[in-house]
Amino acid sequence: MMNAARFTQYGSPDVIELHQVPISVPGPGEVLIKVAATSFNPTETALRSGMLRTVFPVALPYTLGWDVAGTVVDGASGWAEGDQVIGRLDAGGTAAEYVVARADVLAPAPTSIPLTQAAAIPVAGLTAWQAVHEQVKVTPGQRVLINGAGGGIGGFTVQLAKLAGAFVVATASARSAAAVTAQGADQIVDYTAEPLPDGMDAVINLAPISPESAAGLAELVRPGGSAVSVATPIPTYPHFVTRNDPAQLRELVALIDAGDLSLDIAQTLPLSDLPAVHARSEAGQTRGKIILIP
């Protein structure tokens, strides 16, 4: 048996409870992972509350968590016992002591950072990679606005845009401005006190803003420029959902091990604190990545 953070009904953060459940048995092409850590993603609050039930239905009871960093204890398809791995598990279930994963969605964990910290990479890192390199296709010399740079995805997005050669303008509150600056942003804009600059070659929206604010972002893009949103859609521009891509995970790991990409770990907490993390996120009181240890 193992502990798992689950909910049996949609509702407030209080519906999340630690349950004792059986450890799953891997099938063909699957591995069993002893979870070192998972990490919190704000979208999980919408999943737990029921806001996503029509677009992302899940069978209840449901074990939370999409990010995993851990050690293989039952290997398959090239993974051996003792291998340290990371992955994004689209079916969830990583907020637990053990999880079964498809072998083909995993990547080797970085060797330059603690394994627990590596849980911050999969969802946020893949989202940022695809926004920067596939959606707006950042090139050297471009002016790129990243709206919502203080969150977990934002830290990766700022750094990847800088590595691609952009001049990065980032919106950030006073709570996260120092961290965003440390990640390489060239200009910080306090969105609560000053207007956002226009003439942008690219705009990347990472924040759940009002439709009116999203329409305002569209006006900041220069003619011929591009924009994309992973949250509130920007009118006339793409809205995208991150896909799983272990090859891109390996690229991110290589950048981390080379010292070219850093992680913004705001907190490391026990898994039992997950309901409180959900509550603070819904109140707008979180920043960076929050690691959860089962």
Protein backbone atom coordinates (compact mmCIF):
# COMPACT_ATOMS: atom_id res chain seq x y z
CA MET A 1 0.00 0.00 0.00
CA MET A 2 1.01 3.63 -0.48
CA ASN A 3 -0.13 7.18 0.26
CA ALA A 4 -1.75 9.12 -2.57
CA ALA A 5 -3.27 12.62 -2.65
CA ARG A 6 -6.73 12.12 -4.16
CA PHE A 7 -10.18 13.63 -4.37
CA THR A 8 -13.39 11.63 -4.53
CA GLN A 9 -15.61 14.56 -5.53
CA TYR A 10 -15.13 17.96 -7.13
CA GLY A 11 -15.00 20.92 -4.78
CA SER A 12 -12.80 23.17 -2.64
CA PRO A 13 -9.19 22.31 -1.72
CA ASP A 14 -10.55 20.45 1.29
CA VAL A 15 -11.68 17.57 -0.95
CA ILE A 16 -8.01 16.58 -1.37
CA GLU A 17 -7.08 13.85 1.10
CA LEU A 18 -4.23 11.39 1.59
CA HIS A 19 -5.56 7.89 1.01
CA GLN A 20 -3.93 4.50 1.45
CA VAL A 21 -4.23 2.76 -1.92
CA PRO A 22 -2.62 -0.32 -3.51
CA ILE A 23 0.63 0.13 -5.42
CA SER A 24 -0.14 -0.42 -9.12
CA VAL A 25 1.51 -3.18 -11.10
CA PRO A 26 3.15 -2.11 -14.39
CA GLY A 27 1.99 -3.71 -17.60
CA PRO A 28 3.86 -4.24 -20.89
CA GLY A 29 5.94 -1.19 -21.82
CA GLU A 30 5.42 0.38 -18.39
CA VAL A 31 7.70 1.02 -15.41
CA LEU A 32 7.04 1.38 -11.70
CA ILE A 33 8.62 4.51 -10.23
CA LYS A 34 9.30 5.30 -6.59
CA VAL A 35 8.34 8.97 -6.55
CA ALA A 36 10.96 11.33 -5.14
CA ALA A 37 8.74 14.35 -5.79
CA THR A 38 5.98 15.82 -7.86
CA SER A 39 5.27 19.51 -8.40
CA PHE A 40 2.19 21.68 -8.31
CA ASN A 41 0.69 23.14 -11.48
CA PRO A 42 -2.06 25.79 -11.12
CA THR A 43 -4.25 24.06 -13.71
CA GLU A 44 -4.77 21.32 -11.14
CA THR A 45 -6.97 23.69 -9.13
CA ALA A 46 -9.37 23.95 -12.06
CA LEU A 47 -9.32 20.17 -12.44
CA ARG A 48 -10.06 19.63 -8.74
CA SER A 49 -12.84 22.23 -8.64
CA GLY A 50 -14.64 20.70 -11.62
CA MET A 51 -14.08 23.61 -13.99
CA LEU A 52 -12.40 21.27 -16.49
CA ARG A 53 -14.80 18.35 -16.22
CA THR A 54 -16.22 18.86 -19.74
CA VAL A 55 -12.83 19.19 -21.46
CA PHE A 56 -10.75 16.92 -19.23
CA PRO A 57 -13.06 14.40 -17.58
CA VAL A 58 -11.46 12.08 -15.04
CA ALA A 59 -12.66 9.01 -13.22
CA LEU A 60 -13.16 9.60 -9.51
CA PRO A 61 -11.46 9.02 -7.16
CA TYR A 62 -8.58 10.74 -8.92
CA THR A 63 -4.95 10.99 -7.82
CA LEU A 64 -3.47 14.39 -8.60
CA GLY A 65 -0.10 15.23 -10.11
CA TRP A 66 1.32 15.29 -13.65
CA ASP A 67 5.02 15.87 -12.93
CA VAL A 68 7.21 13.10 -11.63
CA ALA A 69 10.83 12.71 -10.64
CA GLY A 70 11.83 9.39 -9.18
CA THR A 71 13.68 6.10 -9.33
CA VAL A 72 12.71 3.10 -11.43
CA VAL A 73 12.01 0.05 -9.26
CA ASP A 74 10.57 -2.20 -11.98
CA GLY A 75 12.04 -1.50 -15.41
CA ALA A 76 10.99 -2.01 -19.02
CA SER A 77 11.85 -0.82 -22.53
CA GLY A 78 15.37 0.36 -21.83
CA TRP A 79 14.87 1.50 -18.23
CA ALA A 80 16.50 -0.51 -15.46
CA GLU A 81 16.01 -0.66 -11.72
CA GLY A 82 17.77 2.29 -10.12
CA ASP A 83 17.50 4.65 -13.11
CA GLN A 84 16.53 8.18 -12.11
CA VAL A 85 13.89 9.60 -14.42
CA ILE A 86 11.50 12.49 -14.96
CA GLY A 87 8.30 12.63 -16.93
CA ARG A 88 4.93 14.19 -17.54
CA LEU A 89 2.14 11.69 -16.95
CA ASP A 90 -0.95 12.88 -18.79
CA ALA A 91 -3.26 10.58 -16.82
CA GLY A 92 -2.06 12.05 -13.51
CA GLY A 93 -1.29 10.00 -10.43
CA THR A 94 2.14 11.37 -9.49
CA ALA A 95 1.06 12.84 -6.14
CA ALA A 96 1.78 9.48 -4.53
CA GLU A 97 4.62 7.36 -3.21
CA TYR A 98 4.72 5.18 -6.35
CA VAL A 99 3.38 5.59 -9.87
CA VAL A 100 3.25 3.49 -13.02
CA ALA A 101 4.34 5.26 -16.21
CA ARG A 102 4.71 4.42 -19.86
CA ALA A 103 8.39 3.90 -20.49
CA ASP A 104 8.33 5.99 -23.66
CA VAL A 105 7.31 9.26 -21.95
CA LEU A 106 10.27 9.33 -19.56
CA ALA A 107 13.66 11.01 -19.79
CA PRO A 108 16.79 10.67 -17.67
CA ALA A 109 16.76 13.08 -14.72
CA PRO A 110 19.40 15.83 -14.59
CA THR A 111 22.55 14.87 -12.73
CA SER A 112 23.44 18.41 -11.64
CA ILE A 113 20.50 19.06 -9.31
CA PRO A 114 18.72 17.08 -6.58
CA LEU A 115 16.23 14.57 -7.95
CA THR A 116 13.40 16.18 -5.99
CA GLN A 117 13.95 19.52 -7.75
CA ALA A 118 13.76 17.84 -11.16
CA ALA A 119 10.01 17.39 -10.61
CA ALA A 120 9.67 21.06 -11.53
CA ILE A 121 10.68 20.43 -15.13
CA PRO A 122 8.16 18.40 -17.16
CA VAL A 123 4.89 20.34 -17.42
CA ALA A 124 6.29 23.85 -17.04
CA GLY A 125 9.42 23.18 -19.09
CA LEU A 126 7.59 21.57 -21.99
CA THR A 127 5.01 24.35 -22.06
CA ALA A 128 7.70 27.02 -22.19
CA TRP A 129 9.76 25.16 -24.80
CA GLN A 130 6.81 24.75 -27.14
CA ALA A 131 5.63 28.34 -26.66
CA VAL A 132 9.08 29.78 -27.43
CA HIS A 133 10.34 27.43 -30.12
CA GLU A 134 7.22 26.10 -31.85
CA GLN A 135 4.49 28.69 -31.41
CA VAL A 136 6.07 32.16 -31.69
CA LYS A 137 9.44 30.82 -32.95
CA VAL A 138 11.64 33.34 -31.15
CA THR A 139 14.71 34.48 -33.11
CA PRO A 140 17.73 36.63 -32.12
CA GLY A 141 17.03 40.33 -31.69
CA GLN A 142 13.28 40.04 -31.27
CA ARG A 143 11.41 41.92 -28.56
CA VAL A 144 9.31 39.37 -26.68
CA LEU A 145 6.72 40.17 -24.04
CA ILE A 146 6.03 37.41 -21.51
CA ASN A 147 2.85 38.10 -19.59
CA GLY A 148 2.69 36.25 -16.29
CA ALA A 149 6.43 35.63 -16.00
CA GLY A 150 6.35 35.09 -12.25
CA GLY A 151 4.75 31.65 -12.37
CA GLY A 152 6.37 28.27 -12.78
CA ILE A 153 6.09 28.32 -16.57
CA GLY A 154 7.31 31.90 -16.67
CA GLY A 155 10.74 31.12 -15.28
CA PHE A 156 11.42 28.63 -18.05
CA THR A 157 9.90 30.90 -20.72
CA VAL A 158 12.04 33.90 -19.80
CA GLN A 159 15.23 31.84 -19.86
CA LEU A 160 14.45 30.00 -23.10
CA ALA A 161 13.55 33.26 -24.86
CA LYS A 162 16.85 34.77 -23.67
CA LEU A 163 18.77 31.71 -24.85
CA ALA A 164 17.09 32.19 -28.24
CA GLY A 165 18.53 35.72 -28.38
CA ALA A 166 15.46 37.81 -27.53
CA PHE A 167 15.13 41.07 -25.61
CA VAL A 168 12.68 39.94 -22.95
CA VAL A 169 10.05 42.20 -21.45
CA ALA A 170 8.32 40.44 -18.56
CA THR A 171 5.30 41.35 -16.48
CA ALA A 172 5.71 40.53 -12.81
CA SER A 173 4.30 41.60 -9.47
CA ALA A 174 6.51 42.97 -6.72
CA ARG A 175 6.45 39.47 -5.18
CA SER A 176 8.16 37.87 -8.18
CA ALA A 177 10.08 40.72 -9.84
CA ALA A 178 13.44 39.84 -8.29
CA ALA A 179 13.21 36.20 -9.38
CA VAL A 180 12.20 37.14 -12.93
CA THR A 181 15.09 39.59 -13.14
CA ALA A 182 17.49 36.87 -11.95
CA GLN A 183 16.20 34.62 -14.73
CA GLY A 184 17.38 37.16 -17.30
CA ALA A 185 14.47 39.43 -18.14
CA ASP A 186 15.75 42.67 -19.69
CA GLN A 187 12.78 44.78 -18.59
CA ILE A 188 10.24 44.20 -15.81
CA VAL A 189 6.82 45.81 -16.05
CA ASP A 190 4.59 46.02 -12.99
CA TYR A 191 1.28 45.33 -14.70
CA THR A 192 -0.61 46.79 -11.74
CA ALA A 193 0.97 50.22 -12.05
CA GLU A 194 2.17 50.89 -15.61
CA PRO A 195 1.11 50.22 -19.20
CA LEU A 196 2.64 47.43 -21.21
CA PRO A 197 4.92 48.44 -24.10
CA ASP A 198 3.76 47.93 -27.67
CA GLY A 199 5.65 47.11 -30.85
CA MET A 200 6.39 43.56 -29.70
CA ASP A 201 7.67 40.97 -32.16
CA ALA A 202 6.05 38.29 -30.03
CA VAL A 203 3.73 38.08 -27.04
CA ILE A 204 3.43 34.97 -24.86
CA ASN A 205 0.56 34.97 -22.38
CA LEU A 206 0.85 32.64 -19.40
CA ALA A 207 -1.73 34.30 -17.14
CA PRO A 208 -5.46 33.67 -16.62
CA ILE A 209 -6.55 37.22 -17.39
CA SER A 210 -9.84 38.77 -18.44
CA PRO A 211 -10.92 38.65 -22.11
CA GLU A 212 -10.54 42.44 -22.19
CA SER A 213 -6.94 42.21 -21.00
CA ALA A 214 -6.24 39.47 -23.54
CA ALA A 215 -7.60 41.70 -26.31
CA GLY A 216 -5.24 44.42 -25.06
CA LEU A 217 -2.28 42.05 -25.48
CA ALA A 218 -3.19 41.59 -29.14
CA GLU A 219 -2.78 45.35 -29.66
CA LEU A 220 0.83 45.19 -28.44
CA VAL A 221 1.97 42.96 -31.32
CA ARG A 222 3.59 44.77 -34.24
CA PRO A 223 2.25 44.11 -37.75
CA GLY A 224 3.61 40.74 -38.84
CA GLY A 225 4.41 39.73 -35.27
CA SER A 226 3.10 36.72 -33.41
CA ALA A 227 1.40 35.84 -30.14
CA VAL A 228 0.25 32.76 -28.30
CA SER A 229 -1.55 31.99 -25.07
CA VAL A 230 -1.59 28.97 -22.79
CA ALA A 231 -4.27 30.59 -20.63
CA THR A 232 -6.91 33.16 -21.65
CA PRO A 233 -6.94 33.22 -25.49
CA ILE A 234 -5.58 36.28 -27.29
CA PRO A 235 -8.03 37.21 -30.07
CA THR A 236 -6.92 36.13 -33.58
CA TYR A 237 -3.84 34.34 -32.23
CA PRO A 238 -3.31 30.66 -31.34
CA HIS A 239 -4.20 29.12 -28.01
CA PHE A 240 -2.31 25.90 -27.44
CA VAL A 241 -2.27 22.94 -25.10
CA THR A 242 1.13 21.46 -24.29
CA ARG A 243 1.85 18.01 -25.64
CA ASN A 244 4.07 15.40 -24.10
CA ASP A 245 7.49 15.18 -25.76
CA PRO A 246 10.31 13.20 -24.06
CA ALA A 247 12.82 14.39 -26.68
CA GLN A 248 12.20 17.97 -25.60
CA LEU A 249 12.51 16.88 -21.97
CA ARG A 250 15.97 15.59 -22.81
CA GLU A 251 16.84 18.98 -24.38
CA LEU A 252 15.73 20.74 -21.19
CA VAL A 253 17.75 18.34 -19.04
CA ALA A 254 20.82 18.96 -21.19
CA LEU A 255 20.45 22.73 -20.72
CA ILE A 256 20.13 22.30 -16.96
CA ASP A 257 23.17 20.03 -16.72
CA ALA A 258 25.15 22.48 -18.87
CA GLY A 259 24.30 25.30 -16.45
CA ASP A 260 22.34 27.23 -19.07
CA LEU A 261 18.91 26.80 -17.47
CA SER A 262 18.04 27.16 -13.80
CA LEU A 263 14.97 26.22 -11.76
CA ASP A 264 12.93 28.62 -9.67
CA ILE A 265 11.93 26.45 -6.72
CA ALA A 266 9.82 28.61 -4.43
CA GLN A 267 9.05 25.95 -1.82
CA THR A 268 9.53 22.28 -1.01
CA LEU A 269 6.67 20.86 1.05
CA PRO A 270 5.29 17.51 2.19
CA LEU A 271 2.52 16.05 0.05
CA SER A 272 0.12 16.51 2.96
CA ASP A 273 0.33 20.28 2.35
CA LEU A 274 -1.22 19.97 -1.12
CA PRO A 275 -4.71 21.24 -0.06
CA ALA A 276 -3.09 24.39 1.39
CA VAL A 277 -1.08 24.90 -1.81
CA HIS A 278 -4.29 24.74 -3.85
CA ALA A 279 -5.92 27.30 -1.56
CA ARG A 280 -2.97 29.69 -1.77
CA SER A 281 -2.83 29.34 -5.55
CA GLU A 282 -6.50 30.21 -5.89
CA ALA A 283 -5.86 33.28 -3.72
CA GLY A 284 -3.00 34.38 -5.98
CA GLN A 285 -0.39 33.82 -3.30
CA THR A 286 2.02 31.43 -5.04
CA ARG A 287 4.95 31.98 -7.37
CA GLY A 288 7.62 29.85 -9.01
CA LYS A 289 7.46 26.08 -8.69
CA ILE A 290 6.32 24.26 -5.56
CA ILE A 291 7.80 20.80 -4.99
CA LEU A 292 5.84 18.19 -3.06
CA ILE A 293 7.52 15.24 -1.36
CA PRO A 294 5.42 12.09 -0.73
